[in-house]
Amino acid sequence: MTVEQEAKIQSARVPSIRAIVKASRPKQMVKNGLVLVPLFFTVNIWYNSEDIGGMTDIVGRAFAALGIFILISAAVYFNNDSVDVEKDRAHPRKRFRPIASGRISVPWAIGISIVLMGGGMAAAYVASTPLAVAAGAYLAINIAYNLWIKNIVLLDVMAVASGFVIRAVAGSIAIDHAVINPSGISTELDLTISPWLYVVTALGALFLALAKRRNELHNSGESSEAQRSILSEYSIPLLDNLINIVGTATLVAYTLYTFNTGVSEANVPGNNSMMLTIPFVAYGIFRYLYLIHIKGVGESPEEILVRDKPLLINIFLWLVTGSSVLMWSRLTNTTCAEYFGICF
């Protein structure tokens, strides 16, 4: 059997469901959790015990957006692995991926990517036009990254970070202008989140992308260029300096978010109690620095977030504390307004 004949047989072979699921990188779907962040940080606005149906609709919108981005990000992974198949075969871990190992042929991978992309975009358009625009922007940036931007130093990590910001924006778009009907009166809600949270998301994502590049460079040795050509443009000292700058900026930006500046769009309590969540963000940054410098991990942020129990517990406590602070502010303001006619 010739090489060409074997290639044709491999291309015609239908991939298994297990291989398709693995190529979708289910572990990386944790990144799409950012779509739900606006839901948590506007709970004080949309929570209303008098309209369970309205609240269910808002939560449903958020999870629908999550599902859409799961489809679209899976499509991106199939596309990326098809383009990078030869480089992945030179990588000690990525060579076991379904496409690189030959369990899914490149033509099949491209076809699956198109189906997932079409399904995700169609669902986004049905949900709302702005959500479809956000999903389209996410796809456009990832396609541009895969074809061009990934080979431009610094812009490569900034493009990766932009994908995280778009997820957060999409989550806000999905639930914004939702309508609740307490006591039979329809009320359209403004569920946009503070611009500072977008800044924090961008900086945090940039922090993770730089840490990923550092670990890739550290582990690749002399084969760095074969695995990812852009790694030759970086050095460990440069990446360490950038990580320190961005990590500091992330903590400062989040601290500024927690302060009440009198701007209603910020949606933080007037007594600045949101500052109680700062230690969780500080610990998260410190813990991640510990993991990349002492434990030598960081190439797969999604695995760290799932496997590192202290970090996972910290994220959970951050979300619970932040939501609780917002809800407590909502309840105390409602109570004082009812009984005293004024709140402080």
C-alpha atoms as a PDB file:
ATOM      1  CA  MET A   1       0.000   0.000   0.000  1.00  0.00           C
ATOM      2  CA  THR A   2       1.421   3.370  -1.019  1.00  0.00           C
ATOM      3  CA  VAL A   3       1.604   6.397   1.271  1.00  0.00           C
ATOM      4  CA  GLU A   4      -1.045   8.178  -0.831  1.00  0.00           C
ATOM      5  CA  GLN A   5      -3.442   5.227  -0.563  1.00  0.00           C
ATOM      6  CA  GLU A   6      -2.959   5.049   3.200  1.00  0.00           C
ATOM      7  CA  ALA A   7      -3.619   8.797   3.465  1.00  0.00           C
ATOM      8  CA  LYS A   8      -6.875   8.436   1.529  1.00  0.00           C
ATOM      9  CA  ILE A   9      -8.040   5.600   3.785  1.00  0.00           C
ATOM     10  CA  GLN A  10      -7.172   7.656   6.862  1.00  0.00           C
ATOM     11  CA  SER A  11      -9.107  10.677   5.532  1.00  0.00           C
ATOM     12  CA  ALA A  12     -12.174   8.553   4.800  1.00  0.00           C
ATOM     13  CA  ARG A  13     -12.188   6.913   8.222  1.00  0.00           C
ATOM     14  CA  VAL A  14     -15.009   8.205  10.414  1.00  0.00           C
ATOM     15  CA  PRO A  15     -13.569   9.448  13.732  1.00  0.00           C
ATOM     16  CA  SER A  16     -14.953   8.063  16.976  1.00  0.00           C
ATOM     17  CA  ILE A  17     -17.153  10.134  19.282  1.00  0.00           C
ATOM     18  CA  ARG A  18     -14.479   9.818  21.948  1.00  0.00           C
ATOM     19  CA  ALA A  19     -11.842  11.286  19.617  1.00  0.00           C
ATOM     20  CA  ILE A  20     -14.155  14.160  18.643  1.00  0.00           C
ATOM     21  CA  VAL A  21     -14.899  14.970  22.276  1.00  0.00           C
ATOM     22  CA  LYS A  22     -11.200  14.885  23.172  1.00  0.00           C
ATOM     23  CA  ALA A  23     -10.301  17.112  20.212  1.00  0.00           C
ATOM     24  CA  SER A  24     -12.890  19.612  21.503  1.00  0.00           C
ATOM     25  CA  ARG A  25     -10.647  19.982  24.572  1.00  0.00           C
ATOM     26  CA  PRO A  26     -13.329  19.714  27.280  1.00  0.00           C
ATOM     27  CA  LYS A  27     -10.802  20.707  29.954  1.00  0.00           C
ATOM     28  CA  GLN A  28     -10.332  24.067  28.246  1.00  0.00           C
ATOM     29  CA  MET A  29     -14.057  24.767  28.345  1.00  0.00           C
ATOM     30  CA  VAL A  30     -13.510  26.140  31.856  1.00  0.00           C
ATOM     31  CA  LYS A  31     -12.343  29.318  30.090  1.00  0.00           C
ATOM     32  CA  ASN A  32     -15.892  29.823  28.855  1.00  0.00           C
ATOM     33  CA  GLY A  33     -16.954  30.207  32.464  1.00  0.00           C
ATOM     34  CA  LEU A  34     -16.136  33.893  32.008  1.00  0.00           C
ATOM     35  CA  VAL A  35     -19.442  34.151  30.143  1.00  0.00           C
ATOM     36  CA  LEU A  36     -21.185  33.655  33.497  1.00  0.00           C
ATOM     37  CA  VAL A  37     -19.199  36.301  35.413  1.00  0.00           C
ATOM     38  CA  PRO A  38     -21.667  39.129  34.563  1.00  0.00           C
ATOM     39  CA  LEU A  39     -24.480  36.934  35.931  1.00  0.00           C
ATOM     40  CA  PHE A  40     -22.734  36.734  39.322  1.00  0.00           C
ATOM     41  CA  PHE A  41     -21.766  40.395  39.461  1.00  0.00           C
ATOM     42  CA  THR A  42     -25.249  41.707  38.681  1.00  0.00           C
ATOM     43  CA  VAL A  43     -27.163  39.357  41.004  1.00  0.00           C
ATOM     44  CA  ASN A  44     -28.151  42.310  43.174  1.00  0.00           C
ATOM     45  CA  ILE A  45     -29.986  43.809  40.182  1.00  0.00           C
ATOM     46  CA  TRP A  46     -31.787  40.810  38.694  1.00  0.00           C
ATOM     47  CA  TYR A  47     -32.680  38.881  41.825  1.00  0.00           C
ATOM     48  CA  ASN A  48     -36.380  39.263  42.592  1.00  0.00           C
ATOM     49  CA  SER A  49     -38.280  36.651  44.600  1.00  0.00           C
ATOM     50  CA  GLU A  50     -41.576  37.949  43.195  1.00  0.00           C
ATOM     51  CA  ASP A  51     -40.697  36.891  39.646  1.00  0.00           C
ATOM     52  CA  ILE A  52     -39.128  33.428  39.565  1.00  0.00           C
ATOM     53  CA  GLY A  53     -39.921  33.170  35.858  1.00  0.00           C
ATOM     54  CA  GLY A  54     -38.030  36.363  35.086  1.00  0.00           C
ATOM     55  CA  MET A  55     -34.984  35.215  37.047  1.00  0.00           C
ATOM     56  CA  THR A  56     -35.098  31.822  35.326  1.00  0.00           C
ATOM     57  CA  ASP A  57     -35.119  33.586  31.953  1.00  0.00           C
ATOM     58  CA  ILE A  58     -32.034  35.632  32.875  1.00  0.00           C
ATOM     59  CA  VAL A  59     -30.119  32.579  34.102  1.00  0.00           C
ATOM     60  CA  GLY A  60     -31.234  30.689  30.995  1.00  0.00           C
ATOM     61  CA  ARG A  61     -29.906  33.467  28.749  1.00  0.00           C
ATOM     62  CA  ALA A  62     -26.528  33.324  30.482  1.00  0.00           C
ATOM     63  CA  PHE A  63     -26.234  29.551  30.123  1.00  0.00           C
ATOM     64  CA  ALA A  64     -27.393  29.725  26.498  1.00  0.00           C
ATOM     65  CA  ALA A  65     -24.516  32.125  25.816  1.00  0.00           C
ATOM     66  CA  LEU A  66     -22.202  29.696  27.606  1.00  0.00           C
ATOM     67  CA  GLY A  67     -23.371  26.883  25.341  1.00  0.00           C
ATOM     68  CA  ILE A  68     -22.845  29.043  22.251  1.00  0.00           C
ATOM     69  CA  PHE A  69     -19.258  29.802  23.210  1.00  0.00           C
ATOM     70  CA  ILE A  70     -18.597  26.149  23.997  1.00  0.00           C
ATOM     71  CA  LEU A  71     -19.587  25.325  20.402  1.00  0.00           C
ATOM     72  CA  ILE A  72     -17.587  28.185  18.898  1.00  0.00           C
ATOM     73  CA  SER A  73     -14.452  27.580  20.977  1.00  0.00           C
ATOM     74  CA  ALA A  74     -14.575  23.872  20.069  1.00  0.00           C
ATOM     75  CA  ALA A  75     -14.733  24.891  16.393  1.00  0.00           C
ATOM     76  CA  VAL A  76     -11.663  27.083  16.925  1.00  0.00           C
ATOM     77  CA  TYR A  77      -9.744  24.202  18.543  1.00  0.00           C
ATOM     78  CA  PHE A  78     -10.492  21.879  15.603  1.00  0.00           C
ATOM     79  CA  ASN A  79      -9.347  24.581  13.194  1.00  0.00           C
ATOM     80  CA  ASN A  80      -6.187  25.395  15.160  1.00  0.00           C
ATOM     81  CA  ASP A  81      -5.156  21.753  15.502  1.00  0.00           C
ATOM     82  CA  SER A  82      -5.679  21.242  11.768  1.00  0.00           C
ATOM     83  CA  VAL A  83      -3.360  24.133  10.918  1.00  0.00           C
ATOM     84  CA  ASP A  84      -0.762  23.261  13.578  1.00  0.00           C
ATOM     85  CA  VAL A  85      -0.816  19.489  13.049  1.00  0.00           C
ATOM     86  CA  GLU A  86       2.889  19.234  12.103  1.00  0.00           C
ATOM     87  CA  LYS A  87       4.072  21.426  14.980  1.00  0.00           C
ATOM     88  CA  ASP A  88       1.886  19.502  17.418  1.00  0.00           C
ATOM     89  CA  ARG A  89       3.561  16.271  16.328  1.00  0.00           C
ATOM     90  CA  ALA A  90       6.883  17.735  17.498  1.00  0.00           C
ATOM     91  CA  HIS A  91       5.467  18.582  20.933  1.00  0.00           C
ATOM     92  CA  PRO A  92       5.899  16.010  23.762  1.00  0.00           C
ATOM     93  CA  ARG A  93       2.259  16.361  24.906  1.00  0.00           C
ATOM     94  CA  LYS A  94       0.346  17.778  21.947  1.00  0.00           C
ATOM     95  CA  ARG A  95       1.439  14.887  19.696  1.00  0.00           C
ATOM     96  CA  PHE A  96      -1.146  12.726  21.461  1.00  0.00           C
ATOM     97  CA  ARG A  97      -4.032  14.999  20.436  1.00  0.00           C
ATOM     98  CA  PRO A  98      -6.540  13.226  18.143  1.00  0.00           C
ATOM     99  CA  ILE A  99      -5.661  15.232  15.027  1.00  0.00           C
ATOM    100  CA  ALA A 100      -1.890  15.175  15.543  1.00  0.00           C
ATOM    101  CA  SER A 101      -1.963  11.443  16.305  1.00  0.00           C
ATOM    102  CA  GLY A 102      -4.078  10.675  13.236  1.00  0.00           C
ATOM    103  CA  ARG A 103      -7.240   9.547  15.011  1.00  0.00           C
ATOM    104  CA  ILE A 104      -9.046  12.407  13.270  1.00  0.00           C
ATOM    105  CA  SER A 105      -7.922  13.339   9.775  1.00  0.00           C
ATOM    106  CA  VAL A 106      -7.436  16.983   8.841  1.00  0.00           C
ATOM    107  CA  PRO A 107     -10.368  16.984   6.330  1.00  0.00           C
ATOM    108  CA  TRP A 108     -12.673  15.559   9.002  1.00  0.00           C
ATOM    109  CA  ALA A 109     -11.425  18.099  11.543  1.00  0.00           C
ATOM    110  CA  ILE A 110     -12.085  20.997   9.176  1.00  0.00           C
ATOM    111  CA  GLY A 111     -15.578  19.664   8.430  1.00  0.00           C
ATOM    112  CA  ILE A 112     -16.399  19.310  12.132  1.00  0.00           C
ATOM    113  CA  SER A 113     -15.075  22.827  12.735  1.00  0.00           C
ATOM    114  CA  ILE A 114     -17.376  24.256  10.059  1.00  0.00           C
ATOM    115  CA  VAL A 115     -20.423  22.449  11.506  1.00  0.00           C
ATOM    116  CA  LEU A 116     -19.704  23.634  15.050  1.00  0.00           C
ATOM    117  CA  MET A 117     -18.996  27.151  13.836  1.00  0.00           C
ATOM    118  CA  GLY A 118     -22.215  27.304  11.850  1.00  0.00           C
ATOM    119  CA  GLY A 119     -24.273  25.907  14.716  1.00  0.00           C
ATOM    120  CA  GLY A 120     -22.775  28.319  17.240  1.00  0.00           C
ATOM    121  CA  MET A 121     -23.244  31.379  15.031  1.00  0.00           C
ATOM    122  CA  ALA A 122     -26.814  30.393  14.136  1.00  0.00           C
ATOM    123  CA  ALA A 123     -27.678  29.976  17.820  1.00  0.00           C
ATOM    124  CA  ALA A 124     -26.069  33.317  18.655  1.00  0.00           C
ATOM    125  CA  TYR A 125     -28.063  35.070  15.920  1.00  0.00           C
ATOM    126  CA  VAL A 126     -31.312  33.529  17.196  1.00  0.00           C
ATOM    127  CA  ALA A 127     -30.497  34.742  20.715  1.00  0.00           C
ATOM    128  CA  SER A 128     -29.701  38.323  19.665  1.00  0.00           C
ATOM    129  CA  THR A 129     -27.846  40.247  16.991  1.00  0.00           C
ATOM    130  CA  PRO A 130     -25.356  41.830  19.448  1.00  0.00           C
ATOM    131  CA  LEU A 131     -24.481  38.358  20.784  1.00  0.00           C
ATOM    132  CA  ALA A 132     -23.924  37.164  17.217  1.00  0.00           C
ATOM    133  CA  VAL A 133     -21.589  40.126  16.652  1.00  0.00           C
ATOM    134  CA  ALA A 134     -19.622  39.217  19.792  1.00  0.00           C
ATOM    135  CA  ALA A 135     -19.406  35.580  18.708  1.00  0.00           C
ATOM    136  CA  GLY A 136     -18.338  36.654  15.212  1.00  0.00           C
ATOM    137  CA  ALA A 137     -15.647  38.915  16.655  1.00  0.00           C
ATOM    138  CA  TYR A 138     -14.355  36.010  18.760  1.00  0.00           C
ATOM    139  CA  LEU A 139     -14.155  33.798  15.672  1.00  0.00           C
ATOM    140  CA  ALA A 140     -12.512  36.508  13.552  1.00  0.00           C
ATOM    141  CA  ILE A 141      -9.803  37.187  16.135  1.00  0.00           C
ATOM    142  CA  ASN A 142      -9.066  33.483  16.558  1.00  0.00           C
ATOM    143  CA  ILE A 143      -8.872  32.876  12.820  1.00  0.00           C
ATOM    144  CA  ALA A 144      -6.593  35.900  12.424  1.00  0.00           C
ATOM    145  CA  TYR A 145      -4.493  34.636  15.320  1.00  0.00           C
ATOM    146  CA  ASN A 146      -4.140  31.196  13.800  1.00  0.00           C
ATOM    147  CA  LEU A 147      -3.215  32.475  10.347  1.00  0.00           C
ATOM    148  CA  TRP A 148      -1.110  35.519  11.202  1.00  0.00           C
ATOM    149  CA  ILE A 149      -1.060  37.100  14.670  1.00  0.00           C
ATOM    150  CA  LYS A 150       0.435  34.059  16.433  1.00  0.00           C
ATOM    151  CA  ASN A 151       3.713  34.836  14.672  1.00  0.00           C
ATOM    152  CA  ILE A 152       3.928  38.451  15.893  1.00  0.00           C
ATOM    153  CA  VAL A 153       5.678  38.892  19.227  1.00  0.00           C
ATOM    154  CA  LEU A 154       3.552  40.444  22.013  1.00  0.00           C
ATOM    155  CA  LEU A 155       0.507  40.755  19.763  1.00  0.00           C
ATOM    156  CA  ASP A 156       0.127  36.986  20.009  1.00  0.00           C
ATOM    157  CA  VAL A 157      -0.516  37.034  23.768  1.00  0.00           C
ATOM    158  CA  MET A 158      -2.664  40.175  23.486  1.00  0.00           C
ATOM    159  CA  ALA A 159      -4.863  38.434  20.914  1.00  0.00           C
ATOM    160  CA  VAL A 160      -5.268  35.462  23.261  1.00  0.00           C
ATOM    161  CA  ALA A 161      -6.282  37.833  26.079  1.00  0.00           C
ATOM    162  CA  SER A 162      -8.864  39.551  23.858  1.00  0.00           C
ATOM    163  CA  GLY A 163     -10.747  36.265  23.537  1.00  0.00           C
ATOM    164  CA  PHE A 164     -11.342  36.233  27.293  1.00  0.00           C
ATOM    165  CA  VAL A 165     -12.654  39.796  27.239  1.00  0.00           C
ATOM    166  CA  ILE A 166     -15.076  38.968  24.436  1.00  0.00           C
ATOM    167  CA  ARG A 167     -16.436  36.078  26.512  1.00  0.00           C
ATOM    168  CA  ALA A 168     -17.167  38.453  29.404  1.00  0.00           C
ATOM    169  CA  VAL A 169     -18.741  40.998  27.044  1.00  0.00           C
ATOM    170  CA  ALA A 170     -20.902  38.274  25.500  1.00  0.00           C
ATOM    171  CA  GLY A 171     -22.089  37.224  28.951  1.00  0.00           C
ATOM    172  CA  SER A 172     -23.144  40.787  29.676  1.00  0.00           C
ATOM    173  CA  ILE A 173     -24.868  41.156  26.295  1.00  0.00           C
ATOM    174  CA  ALA A 174     -26.786  37.917  26.826  1.00  0.00           C
ATOM    175  CA  ILE A 175     -28.528  39.085  30.003  1.00  0.00           C
ATOM    176  CA  ASP A 176     -28.700  42.845  29.426  1.00  0.00           C
ATOM    177  CA  HIS A 177     -32.131  44.436  28.914  1.00  0.00           C
ATOM    178  CA  ALA A 178     -33.861  41.388  30.394  1.00  0.00           C
ATOM    179  CA  VAL A 179     -37.381  42.044  31.678  1.00  0.00           C
ATOM    180  CA  ILE A 180     -38.784  41.064  35.057  1.00  0.00           C
ATOM    181  CA  ASN A 181     -42.388  41.466  36.173  1.00  0.00           C
ATOM    182  CA  PRO A 182     -42.585  42.008  39.934  1.00  0.00           C
ATOM    183  CA  SER A 183     -46.188  42.650  40.968  1.00  0.00           C
ATOM    184  CA  GLY A 184     -47.210  42.497  37.312  1.00  0.00           C
ATOM    185  CA  ILE A 185     -45.163  45.566  36.366  1.00  0.00           C
ATOM    186  CA  SER A 186     -42.662  44.959  33.547  1.00  0.00           C
ATOM    187  CA  THR A 187     -39.227  46.412  34.230  1.00  0.00           C
ATOM    188  CA  GLU A 188     -36.312  46.338  31.804  1.00  0.00           C
ATOM    189  CA  LEU A 189     -33.016  45.858  33.643  1.00  0.00           C
ATOM    190  CA  ASP A 190     -29.627  47.394  32.943  1.00  0.00           C
ATOM    191  CA  LEU A 191     -27.339  44.414  33.575  1.00  0.00           C
ATOM    192  CA  THR A 192     -24.080  45.800  32.235  1.00  0.00           C
ATOM    193  CA  ILE A 193     -21.037  45.303  34.464  1.00  0.00           C
ATOM    194  CA  SER A 194     -18.371  47.759  35.506  1.00  0.00           C
ATOM    195  CA  PRO A 195     -15.829  48.640  32.785  1.00  0.00           C
ATOM    196  CA  TRP A 196     -13.171  47.936  35.415  1.00  0.00           C
ATOM    197  CA  LEU A 197     -14.124  44.254  35.307  1.00  0.00           C
ATOM    198  CA  TYR A 198     -13.382  44.201  31.586  1.00  0.00           C
ATOM    199  CA  VAL A 199      -9.981  45.741  32.309  1.00  0.00           C
ATOM    200  CA  VAL A 200      -9.341  43.145  35.016  1.00  0.00           C
ATOM    201  CA  THR A 201     -10.407  40.353  32.658  1.00  0.00           C
ATOM    202  CA  ALA A 202      -8.031  41.604  29.947  1.00  0.00           C
ATOM    203  CA  LEU A 203      -5.098  41.945  32.340  1.00  0.00           C
ATOM    204  CA  GLY A 204      -5.794  38.615  34.036  1.00  0.00           C
ATOM    205  CA  ALA A 205      -5.990  36.846  30.685  1.00  0.00           C
ATOM    206  CA  LEU A 206      -2.753  38.519  29.566  1.00  0.00           C
ATOM    207  CA  PHE A 207      -1.136  37.338  32.803  1.00  0.00           C
ATOM    208  CA  LEU A 208      -2.162  33.729  32.052  1.00  0.00           C
ATOM    209  CA  ALA A 209      -1.033  33.962  28.409  1.00  0.00           C
ATOM    210  CA  LEU A 210       2.406  35.259  29.385  1.00  0.00           C
ATOM    211  CA  ALA A 211       2.757  32.530  32.021  1.00  0.00           C
ATOM    212  CA  LYS A 212       1.821  29.977  29.362  1.00  0.00           C
ATOM    213  CA  ARG A 213       4.517  31.297  27.009  1.00  0.00           C
ATOM    214  CA  ARG A 214       7.067  31.180  29.835  1.00  0.00           C
ATOM    215  CA  ASN A 215       6.311  27.553  30.620  1.00  0.00           C
ATOM    216  CA  GLU A 216       6.348  26.597  26.943  1.00  0.00           C
ATOM    217  CA  LEU A 217       9.750  28.227  26.498  1.00  0.00           C
ATOM    218  CA  HIS A 218      11.114  26.685  29.699  1.00  0.00           C
ATOM    219  CA  ASN A 219       9.992  23.157  28.809  1.00  0.00           C
ATOM    220  CA  SER A 220      10.712  23.144  25.076  1.00  0.00           C
ATOM    221  CA  GLY A 221      14.492  23.553  25.290  1.00  0.00           C
ATOM    222  CA  GLU A 222      16.196  23.480  21.901  1.00  0.00           C
ATOM    223  CA  SER A 223      13.022  22.408  20.109  1.00  0.00           C
ATOM    224  CA  SER A 224      11.095  25.580  21.001  1.00  0.00           C
ATOM    225  CA  GLU A 225      10.954  26.902  17.444  1.00  0.00           C
ATOM    226  CA  ALA A 226       9.755  23.550  16.097  1.00  0.00           C
ATOM    227  CA  GLN A 227       6.898  23.508  18.617  1.00  0.00           C
ATOM    228  CA  ARG A 228       5.930  27.188  18.362  1.00  0.00           C
ATOM    229  CA  SER A 229       7.973  29.515  16.143  1.00  0.00           C
ATOM    230  CA  ILE A 230       7.142  32.682  18.125  1.00  0.00           C
ATOM    231  CA  LEU A 231       8.963  31.299  21.186  1.00  0.00           C
ATOM    232  CA  SER A 232      12.287  32.280  19.594  1.00  0.00           C
ATOM    233  CA  GLU A 233      11.252  35.941  20.030  1.00  0.00           C
ATOM    234  CA  TYR A 234      10.855  35.589  23.802  1.00  0.00           C
ATOM    235  CA  SER A 235      13.208  34.979  26.711  1.00  0.00           C
ATOM    236  CA  ILE A 236      12.570  33.874  30.288  1.00  0.00           C
ATOM    237  CA  PRO A 237      13.753  37.215  31.807  1.00  0.00           C
ATOM    238  CA  LEU A 238      11.529  39.205  29.424  1.00  0.00           C
ATOM    239  CA  LEU A 239       8.486  37.080  30.217  1.00  0.00           C
ATOM    240  CA  ASP A 240       9.177  37.271  33.966  1.00  0.00           C
ATOM    241  CA  ASN A 241       9.266  41.075  33.777  1.00  0.00           C
ATOM    242  CA  LEU A 242       6.045  41.210  31.757  1.00  0.00           C
ATOM    243  CA  ILE A 243       4.307  38.785  34.127  1.00  0.00           C
ATOM    244  CA  ASN A 244       5.287  40.913  37.130  1.00  0.00           C
ATOM    245  CA  ILE A 245       4.028  44.111  35.452  1.00  0.00           C
ATOM    246  CA  VAL A 246       0.721  42.618  34.338  1.00  0.00           C
ATOM    247  CA  GLY A 247       0.140  40.794  37.639  1.00  0.00           C
ATOM    248  CA  THR A 248       0.579  44.055  39.559  1.00  0.00           C
ATOM    249  CA  ALA A 249      -1.665  45.941  37.135  1.00  0.00           C
ATOM    250  CA  THR A 250      -4.365  43.261  37.525  1.00  0.00           C
ATOM    251  CA  LEU A 251      -4.443  43.645  41.306  1.00  0.00           C
ATOM    252  CA  VAL A 252      -4.487  47.453  41.100  1.00  0.00           C
ATOM    253  CA  ALA A 253      -7.285  47.440  38.511  1.00  0.00           C
ATOM    254  CA  TYR A 254      -9.415  45.075  40.597  1.00  0.00           C
ATOM    255  CA  THR A 255      -8.830  47.199  43.699  1.00  0.00           C
ATOM    256  CA  LEU A 256     -10.028  50.277  41.824  1.00  0.00           C
ATOM    257  CA  TYR A 257     -13.128  48.348  40.696  1.00  0.00           C
ATOM    258  CA  THR A 258     -14.134  47.648  44.306  1.00  0.00           C
ATOM    259  CA  PHE A 259     -14.248  51.350  45.252  1.00  0.00           C
ATOM    260  CA  ASN A 260     -17.524  53.192  44.866  1.00  0.00           C
ATOM    261  CA  THR A 261     -16.941  56.290  42.746  1.00  0.00           C
ATOM    262  CA  GLY A 262     -20.560  57.409  42.584  1.00  0.00           C
ATOM    263  CA  VAL A 263     -21.000  56.038  39.052  1.00  0.00           C
ATOM    264  CA  SER A 264     -24.128  53.868  38.895  1.00  0.00           C
ATOM    265  CA  GLU A 265     -22.741  51.665  36.111  1.00  0.00           C
ATOM    266  CA  ALA A 266     -20.022  50.431  38.455  1.00  0.00           C
ATOM    267  CA  ASN A 267     -22.628  48.487  40.469  1.00  0.00           C
ATOM    268  CA  VAL A 268     -20.632  48.273  43.709  1.00  0.00           C
ATOM    269  CA  PRO A 269     -21.927  49.001  47.241  1.00  0.00           C
ATOM    270  CA  GLY A 270     -21.636  52.590  48.434  1.00  0.00           C
ATOM    271  CA  ASN A 271     -19.901  51.496  51.647  1.00  0.00           C
ATOM    272  CA  ASN A 272     -16.996  49.990  49.627  1.00  0.00           C
ATOM    273  CA  SER A 273     -17.646  46.531  51.108  1.00  0.00           C
ATOM    274  CA  MET A 274     -16.643  44.988  47.776  1.00  0.00           C
ATOM    275  CA  MET A 275     -13.094  45.542  49.007  1.00  0.00           C
ATOM    276  CA  LEU A 276     -13.605  42.341  51.022  1.00  0.00           C
ATOM    277  CA  THR A 277     -12.986  40.420  47.789  1.00  0.00           C
ATOM    278  CA  ILE A 278      -9.526  41.930  47.164  1.00  0.00           C
ATOM    279  CA  PRO A 279      -7.660  39.293  49.250  1.00  0.00           C
ATOM    280  CA  PHE A 280      -9.066  36.522  47.030  1.00  0.00           C
ATOM    281  CA  VAL A 281      -7.731  38.169  43.865  1.00  0.00           C
ATOM    282  CA  ALA A 282      -4.366  38.847  45.522  1.00  0.00           C
ATOM    283  CA  TYR A 283      -4.098  35.236  46.683  1.00  0.00           C
ATOM    284  CA  GLY A 284      -5.043  33.967  43.212  1.00  0.00           C
ATOM    285  CA  ILE A 285      -2.229  35.957  41.601  1.00  0.00           C
ATOM    286  CA  PHE A 286       0.297  34.939  44.266  1.00  0.00           C
ATOM    287  CA  ARG A 287      -0.719  31.298  44.055  1.00  0.00           C
ATOM    288  CA  TYR A 288      -0.343  31.261  40.279  1.00  0.00           C
ATOM    289  CA  LEU A 289       3.107  32.850  40.517  1.00  0.00           C
ATOM    290  CA  TYR A 290       4.044  30.155  43.022  1.00  0.00           C
ATOM    291  CA  LEU A 291       2.848  27.430  40.652  1.00  0.00           C
ATOM    292  CA  ILE A 292       4.751  28.698  37.613  1.00  0.00           C
ATOM    293  CA  HIS A 293       8.009  29.476  39.450  1.00  0.00           C
ATOM    294  CA  ILE A 294       8.165  26.715  42.082  1.00  0.00           C
ATOM    295  CA  LYS A 295       6.079  23.911  40.589  1.00  0.00           C
ATOM    296  CA  GLY A 296       7.038  24.622  36.983  1.00  0.00           C
ATOM    297  CA  VAL A 297       3.496  24.550  35.617  1.00  0.00           C
ATOM    298  CA  GLY A 298       1.582  27.110  33.570  1.00  0.00           C
ATOM    299  CA  GLU A 299       1.493  25.744  30.031  1.00  0.00           C
ATOM    300  CA  SER A 300      -2.103  24.593  30.552  1.00  0.00           C
ATOM    301  CA  PRO A 301      -3.969  27.210  32.648  1.00  0.00           C
ATOM    302  CA  GLU A 302      -7.230  25.286  32.316  1.00  0.00           C
ATOM    303  CA  GLU A 303      -5.685  22.221  33.988  1.00  0.00           C
ATOM    304  CA  ILE A 304      -4.294  24.333  36.822  1.00  0.00           C
ATOM    305  CA  LEU A 305      -7.700  25.879  37.475  1.00  0.00           C
ATOM    306  CA  VAL A 306      -9.286  22.424  37.656  1.00  0.00           C
ATOM    307  CA  ARG A 307      -6.572  20.483  39.461  1.00  0.00           C
ATOM    308  CA  ASP A 308      -5.097  22.962  41.927  1.00  0.00           C
ATOM    309  CA  LYS A 309      -7.478  22.720  44.875  1.00  0.00           C
ATOM    310  CA  PRO A 310      -6.320  25.876  46.720  1.00  0.00           C
ATOM    311  CA  LEU A 311      -6.853  27.942  43.558  1.00  0.00           C
ATOM    312  CA  LEU A 312     -10.194  26.300  42.826  1.00  0.00           C
ATOM    313  CA  ILE A 313     -11.428  26.918  46.375  1.00  0.00           C
ATOM    314  CA  ASN A 314     -10.193  30.505  46.172  1.00  0.00           C
ATOM    315  CA  ILE A 315     -12.156  31.171  42.970  1.00  0.00           C
ATOM    316  CA  PHE A 316     -15.288  29.648  44.501  1.00  0.00           C
ATOM    317  CA  LEU A 317     -14.960  31.770  47.649  1.00  0.00           C
ATOM    318  CA  TRP A 318     -14.323  34.890  45.536  1.00  0.00           C
ATOM    319  CA  LEU A 319     -17.545  34.360  43.570  1.00  0.00           C
ATOM    320  CA  VAL A 320     -19.569  33.555  46.695  1.00  0.00           C
ATOM    321  CA  THR A 321     -18.178  36.534  48.619  1.00  0.00           C
ATOM    322  CA  GLY A 322     -18.650  38.955  45.732  1.00  0.00           C
ATOM    323  CA  SER A 323     -22.235  37.829  45.102  1.00  0.00           C
ATOM    324  CA  SER A 324     -22.997  37.913  48.836  1.00  0.00           C
ATOM    325  CA  VAL A 325     -21.660  41.451  49.219  1.00  0.00           C
ATOM    326  CA  LEU A 326     -23.802  42.645  46.314  1.00  0.00           C
ATOM    327  CA  MET A 327     -26.898  40.880  47.638  1.00  0.00           C
ATOM    328  CA  TRP A 328     -26.359  42.172  51.169  1.00  0.00           C
ATOM    329  CA  SER A 329     -26.086  45.709  49.811  1.00  0.00           C
ATOM    330  CA  ARG A 330     -29.306  45.186  47.842  1.00  0.00           C
ATOM    331  CA  LEU A 331     -31.204  43.841  50.872  1.00  0.00           C
ATOM    332  CA  THR A 332     -29.982  46.474  53.343  1.00  0.00           C
ATOM    333  CA  ASN A 333     -30.719  49.310  50.914  1.00  0.00           C
ATOM    334  CA  THR A 334     -34.215  47.962  50.303  1.00  0.00           C
ATOM    335  CA  THR A 335     -34.886  47.618  54.027  1.00  0.00           C
ATOM    336  CA  CYS A 336     -33.667  51.070  54.985  1.00  0.00           C
ATOM    337  CA  ALA A 337     -35.578  52.642  52.104  1.00  0.00           C
ATOM    338  CA  GLU A 338     -38.796  50.933  53.205  1.00  0.00           C
ATOM    339  CA  TYR A 339     -38.512  51.870  56.876  1.00  0.00           C
ATOM    340  CA  PHE A 340     -36.590  55.142  56.897  1.00  0.00           C
ATOM    341  CA  GLY A 341     -37.015  56.500  53.366  1.00  0.00           C
ATOM    342  CA  ILE A 342     -33.280  57.079  53.030  1.00  0.00           C
ATOM    343  CA  CYS A 343     -30.117  54.936  52.829  1.00  0.00           C
ATOM    344  CA  PHE A 344     -26.541  55.691  53.627  1.00  0.00           C
END
